[in-house]
Amino acid sequence: MSHHPNGTTEPRLNHVSCLSPAGLHRMAYWEWGDPENDRVLLCAHGLTRTGRDFDHLARRLAGNYRVVCPDVVGRGQSDWLTEPAYYVVPQYLADMVTLLARLRADVLHWVGTSMGGLIGMMLAGLPGASRPEAGGAAAEGALLAPPVSRMILNDVGPALAPEALARIGAYLADAAEFASFDEAVAYIKTVSAQFGPHSEQGWRELTQHVVRRQGE
């Protein structure tokens, strides 16, 4: 983790190779705190977001945890899949299991927003996921995903209202292009209004990691 004179910190960017029926792809993840800390807090983002949504939370908790914030495949710094049909929660779950084997945590806590909460619930519900923490994966020397011992779910419900699905589908289908970053911020304010009130700086932070400059 890089330290700056003003006391802020920046994460380390890493990648892990994951498997889909179409082949291999790389998933990016942002890591905060001591890389040797075997207490991992994994933060999983929502459908159209990235791991950088958790920057403020990660800075606060990096002294207690190794905080890991993946960019789910197709988002942020991760690869895009060659087969659109594989953009489904079971694929994201498989990618997370691969990441967790890389991390070799003894203790795993999970924060999941929307889609990230669904992934966490599916992981916690897998057969074998209740293996006790004592003598965890790192101690055993096995490349196993540890069980989720604590989980926080944000904006996750058992069902989506039809109007919500229609709204999400409408802006996902829109390959929006912007003449400036300010235009992108205005767009995010519109499609993400349900995120609640934010300062202007907050909206800019929510925008900067979900837009790409032409040619990237």
Protein backbone atom coordinates (compact mmCIF):
# COMPACT_ATOMS: atom_id res chain seq x y z
CA MET A 1 0.00 0.00 0.00
CA SER A 2 1.43 3.36 -1.01
CA HIS A 3 1.52 6.19 1.53
CA HIS A 4 1.32 9.84 0.56
CA PRO A 5 2.30 12.97 2.52
CA ASN A 6 -1.32 13.91 3.16
CA GLY A 7 -1.90 10.61 4.97
CA THR A 8 -4.08 9.02 2.27
CA THR A 9 -3.30 5.61 0.87
CA GLU A 10 -3.67 3.89 -2.47
CA PRO A 11 -4.24 0.19 -3.12
CA ARG A 12 -2.09 -2.35 -4.92
CA LEU A 13 -3.52 -3.62 -8.22
CA ASN A 14 -3.16 -7.38 -8.79
CA HIS A 15 -4.67 -9.92 -11.18
CA VAL A 16 -5.64 -13.57 -10.98
CA SER A 17 -6.34 -15.93 -13.90
CA CYS A 18 -9.83 -17.45 -13.86
CA LEU A 19 -11.55 -20.05 -16.01
CA SER A 20 -14.80 -19.94 -17.97
CA PRO A 21 -16.07 -22.44 -20.59
CA ALA A 22 -14.60 -20.07 -23.22
CA GLY A 23 -11.10 -20.11 -21.75
CA LEU A 24 -9.04 -18.03 -19.35
CA HIS A 25 -9.60 -14.42 -18.33
CA ARG A 26 -7.91 -12.16 -15.82
CA MET A 27 -9.78 -10.68 -12.88
CA ALA A 28 -8.28 -7.56 -11.31
CA TYR A 29 -8.41 -6.94 -7.60
CA TRP A 30 -7.39 -4.00 -5.43
CA GLU A 31 -5.60 -4.89 -2.22
CA TRP A 32 -5.17 -2.66 0.83
CA GLY A 33 -3.24 -3.21 4.04
CA ASP A 34 -0.60 -5.71 5.05
CA PRO A 35 -0.25 -8.35 2.30
CA GLU A 36 0.71 -10.89 4.99
CA ASN A 37 -2.44 -10.31 7.06
CA ASP A 38 -4.42 -13.57 7.08
CA ARG A 39 -7.61 -11.72 8.11
CA VAL A 40 -9.23 -10.79 4.79
CA LEU A 41 -12.21 -8.52 4.20
CA LEU A 42 -13.48 -9.07 0.68
CA CYS A 43 -15.66 -6.29 -0.73
CA ALA A 44 -17.77 -7.23 -3.76
CA HIS A 45 -19.45 -4.50 -5.80
CA GLY A 46 -22.75 -4.14 -7.62
CA LEU A 47 -23.74 -4.94 -11.19
CA THR A 48 -22.30 -1.92 -13.01
CA ARG A 49 -19.68 -0.83 -10.48
CA THR A 50 -16.04 -1.66 -9.63
CA GLY A 51 -13.93 -2.56 -6.61
CA ARG A 52 -12.91 1.08 -6.24
CA ASP A 53 -16.37 1.82 -4.82
CA PHE A 54 -14.95 0.67 -1.48
CA ASP A 55 -11.95 3.03 -1.33
CA HIS A 56 -13.16 4.96 1.72
CA LEU A 57 -14.14 1.81 3.62
CA ALA A 58 -10.87 0.10 2.71
CA ARG A 59 -8.77 3.01 3.95
CA ARG A 60 -10.56 2.91 7.29
CA LEU A 61 -10.19 -0.84 7.78
CA ALA A 62 -6.80 -1.58 6.21
CA GLY A 63 -5.15 -1.44 9.63
CA ASN A 64 -7.22 -4.42 10.80
CA TYR A 65 -7.69 -6.40 7.60
CA ARG A 66 -6.13 -7.12 4.28
CA VAL A 67 -8.97 -5.54 2.33
CA VAL A 68 -9.49 -7.03 -1.13
CA CYS A 69 -11.84 -5.39 -3.65
CA PRO A 70 -12.12 -7.28 -6.95
CA ASP A 71 -13.33 -5.86 -10.23
CA VAL A 72 -15.80 -8.55 -11.30
CA VAL A 73 -15.01 -9.73 -14.84
CA GLY A 74 -16.17 -7.23 -17.47
CA ARG A 75 -15.75 -4.30 -15.09
CA GLY A 76 -12.92 -1.97 -14.15
CA GLN A 77 -9.46 -3.33 -14.87
CA SER A 78 -10.62 -6.92 -15.42
CA ASP A 79 -10.84 -8.63 -18.80
CA TRP A 80 -14.05 -8.78 -20.75
CA LEU A 81 -15.50 -12.21 -21.50
CA THR A 82 -15.61 -13.34 -25.13
CA GLU A 83 -18.99 -15.01 -24.57
CA PRO A 84 -21.69 -12.67 -23.20
CA ALA A 85 -23.76 -15.63 -21.92
CA TYR A 86 -21.16 -16.18 -19.17
CA TYR A 87 -21.89 -12.86 -17.46
CA VAL A 88 -23.84 -14.68 -14.77
CA VAL A 89 -23.50 -15.04 -10.99
CA PRO A 90 -22.23 -18.67 -11.11
CA GLN A 91 -19.27 -17.52 -13.23
CA TYR A 92 -18.58 -14.65 -10.84
CA LEU A 93 -18.73 -17.10 -7.94
CA ALA A 94 -16.21 -19.41 -9.61
CA ASP A 95 -13.89 -16.44 -10.15
CA MET A 96 -14.16 -15.47 -6.48
CA VAL A 97 -13.27 -19.01 -5.36
CA THR A 98 -10.15 -18.80 -7.54
CA LEU A 99 -9.27 -15.44 -5.99
CA LEU A 100 -9.78 -16.74 -2.45
CA ALA A 101 -7.47 -19.67 -3.14
CA ARG A 102 -4.84 -17.12 -4.17
CA LEU A 103 -5.36 -15.04 -1.02
CA ARG A 104 -4.96 -18.00 1.38
CA ALA A 105 -6.88 -16.29 4.19
CA ASP A 106 -7.45 -17.91 7.56
CA VAL A 107 -10.39 -15.60 8.33
CA LEU A 108 -12.74 -14.28 5.67
CA HIS A 109 -15.32 -11.55 6.16
CA TRP A 110 -17.46 -10.31 3.26
CA VAL A 111 -19.11 -7.01 2.36
CA GLY A 112 -21.41 -7.33 -0.65
CA THR A 113 -23.39 -4.62 -2.41
CA SER A 114 -26.28 -5.80 -4.58
CA MET A 115 -24.74 -8.34 -6.99
CA GLY A 116 -21.74 -8.64 -4.65
CA GLY A 117 -24.12 -9.67 -1.89
CA LEU A 118 -25.67 -12.35 -4.09
CA ILE A 119 -22.22 -13.74 -4.88
CA GLY A 120 -21.39 -13.81 -1.17
CA MET A 121 -24.61 -15.59 -0.26
CA MET A 122 -24.02 -18.21 -2.95
CA LEU A 123 -20.49 -18.74 -1.68
CA ALA A 124 -21.61 -19.09 1.93
CA GLY A 125 -24.31 -21.56 0.89
CA LEU A 126 -22.04 -23.94 -1.05
CA PRO A 127 -21.66 -27.48 0.29
CA GLY A 128 -18.50 -27.58 2.37
CA ALA A 129 -18.54 -23.83 2.99
CA SER A 130 -19.11 -24.33 6.73
CA ARG A 131 -15.63 -25.76 7.37
CA PRO A 132 -14.44 -24.32 10.73
CA GLU A 133 -12.02 -21.38 10.72
CA ALA A 134 -9.57 -22.96 13.17
CA GLY A 135 -6.50 -24.17 11.27
CA GLY A 136 -7.71 -22.38 8.14
CA ALA A 137 -6.52 -22.61 4.56
CA ALA A 138 -3.19 -20.88 5.10
CA ALA A 139 -2.35 -23.06 8.12
CA GLU A 140 -3.24 -26.23 6.26
CA GLY A 141 -1.17 -25.22 3.26
CA ALA A 142 -4.13 -26.08 1.02
CA LEU A 143 -5.38 -23.91 -1.82
CA LEU A 144 -8.92 -23.82 -0.47
CA ALA A 145 -11.40 -20.98 -0.13
CA PRO A 146 -12.08 -20.35 3.57
CA PRO A 147 -15.67 -20.11 4.79
CA VAL A 148 -17.29 -16.70 5.15
CA SER A 149 -17.58 -16.23 8.90
CA ARG A 150 -19.19 -12.76 8.81
CA MET A 151 -21.12 -11.05 6.05
CA ILE A 152 -22.62 -7.59 5.55
CA LEU A 153 -25.21 -7.27 2.79
CA ASN A 154 -26.04 -3.90 1.28
CA ASP A 155 -28.89 -3.24 -1.17
CA VAL A 156 -29.67 -6.94 -1.63
CA GLY A 157 -33.24 -8.20 -1.77
CA PRO A 158 -34.97 -11.51 -2.56
CA ALA A 159 -36.54 -10.08 -5.72
CA LEU A 160 -36.31 -7.10 -8.07
CA ALA A 161 -39.42 -5.14 -8.98
CA PRO A 162 -40.20 -5.21 -12.74
CA GLU A 163 -39.79 -1.44 -13.01
CA ALA A 164 -36.34 -1.66 -11.43
CA LEU A 165 -35.30 -4.37 -13.88
CA ALA A 166 -36.59 -2.27 -16.77
CA ARG A 167 -34.64 0.78 -15.59
CA ILE A 168 -31.42 -1.22 -15.19
CA GLY A 169 -31.88 -2.87 -18.58
CA ALA A 170 -32.42 0.48 -20.27
CA TYR A 171 -29.13 2.01 -19.19
CA LEU A 172 -27.14 -1.21 -19.58
CA ALA A 173 -28.20 -1.33 -23.22
CA ASP A 174 -27.04 2.26 -23.76
CA ALA A 175 -23.39 2.37 -24.86
CA ALA A 176 -23.08 5.95 -23.70
CA GLU A 177 -20.24 8.18 -24.91
CA PHE A 178 -19.32 11.52 -23.37
CA ALA A 179 -17.52 14.58 -24.64
CA SER A 180 -16.07 15.31 -21.21
CA PHE A 181 -15.72 13.84 -17.75
CA ASP A 182 -18.30 16.34 -16.47
CA GLU A 183 -20.83 14.88 -18.92
CA ALA A 184 -20.05 11.42 -17.55
CA VAL A 185 -20.60 12.66 -13.99
CA ALA A 186 -23.99 14.09 -14.98
CA TYR A 187 -24.96 10.75 -16.52
CA ILE A 188 -23.94 8.78 -13.42
CA LYS A 189 -25.95 11.18 -11.26
CA THR A 190 -29.01 10.33 -13.37
CA VAL A 191 -28.72 6.54 -13.61
CA SER A 192 -27.48 6.17 -10.02
CA ALA A 193 -29.87 8.59 -8.34
CA GLN A 194 -31.10 5.74 -6.12
CA PHE A 195 -27.65 5.64 -4.50
CA GLY A 196 -28.82 8.60 -2.41
CA PRO A 197 -27.41 12.08 -1.86
CA HIS A 198 -23.71 12.67 -2.52
CA SER A 199 -21.44 15.67 -2.62
CA GLU A 200 -20.12 16.76 -6.00
CA GLN A 201 -16.79 15.15 -5.10
CA GLY A 202 -18.61 11.96 -4.18
CA TRP A 203 -20.30 11.78 -7.59
CA ARG A 204 -16.97 12.36 -9.31
CA GLU A 205 -15.43 9.52 -7.31
CA LEU A 206 -18.34 7.23 -8.26
CA THR A 207 -17.74 8.11 -11.91
CA GLN A 208 -13.98 8.00 -12.34
CA HIS A 209 -13.55 4.23 -12.17
CA VAL A 210 -16.54 3.24 -14.34
CA VAL A 211 -15.71 5.25 -17.46
CA ARG A 212 -12.93 4.59 -19.95
CA ARG A 213 -11.04 7.12 -21.99
CA GLN A 214 -11.18 6.51 -25.73
CA GLY A 215 -8.50 4.04 -26.72
CA GLU A 216 -8.20 2.35 -23.30
